[in-house]
Protein backbone atom coordinates (compact mmCIF):
# COMPACT_ATOMS: atom_id res chain seq x y z
CA MET A 1 -43.84 107.57 -22.40
CA HIS A 2 -40.78 108.57 -20.41
CA PRO A 3 -38.44 105.79 -19.24
CA LYS A 4 -39.47 104.50 -15.87
CA VAL A 5 -37.32 103.22 -13.03
CA PRO A 6 -37.50 99.42 -12.81
CA PRO A 7 -40.33 98.54 -10.40
CA GLU A 8 -38.10 96.43 -8.17
CA ARG A 9 -35.69 99.35 -7.67
CA GLU A 10 -38.53 101.83 -7.25
CA ASN A 11 -40.52 99.71 -4.79
CA MET A 12 -37.68 98.58 -2.56
CA PRO A 13 -37.36 101.63 -0.26
CA HIS A 14 -41.13 102.07 -0.29
CA SER A 15 -41.89 98.47 0.60
CA HIS A 16 -39.20 98.51 3.30
CA ALA A 17 -40.79 101.60 4.88
CA CYS A 18 -44.20 100.02 4.41
CA LEU A 19 -43.02 96.80 6.02
CA SER A 20 -41.56 98.50 9.10
CA ALA A 21 -44.68 100.66 9.46
CA LEU A 22 -46.80 97.52 9.16
CA THR A 23 -44.69 95.71 11.76
CA ILE A 24 -44.99 98.64 14.18
CA GLY A 25 -48.72 98.83 13.48
CA ILE A 26 -49.16 95.11 14.18
CA LYS A 27 -47.19 95.42 17.45
CA VAL A 28 -49.26 98.42 18.58
CA HIS A 29 -52.48 96.65 17.57
CA ALA A 30 -51.44 93.49 19.44
CA ASP A 31 -50.70 95.56 22.55
CA GLN A 32 -54.13 97.20 22.29
CA VAL A 33 -55.84 93.83 21.86
CA THR A 34 -53.96 92.44 24.88
CA ALA A 35 -54.94 95.45 26.98
CA GLN A 36 -58.57 95.12 25.85
CA ALA A 37 -58.60 91.40 26.63
CA LYS A 38 -57.30 92.09 30.14
CA LEU A 39 -59.96 94.78 30.62
CA VAL A 40 -62.71 92.45 29.41
CA ARG A 41 -61.52 89.64 31.66
CA HIS A 42 -61.42 92.05 34.59
CA GLN A 43 -64.96 93.26 33.84
CA ILE A 44 -66.28 89.69 33.57
CA ARG A 45 -64.74 88.80 36.94
CA ILE A 46 -66.55 91.66 38.70
């Protein structure tokens, strides 16, 4: 076995990138859900 980088040091940049991607994904998803909800409400009104 070759010496490995400590997991906390190895995961930090990855988890930070993961976290920001997740945050962006949640924001985009929330926007889509809001847009869908508005569409549905509009369709129900008609």
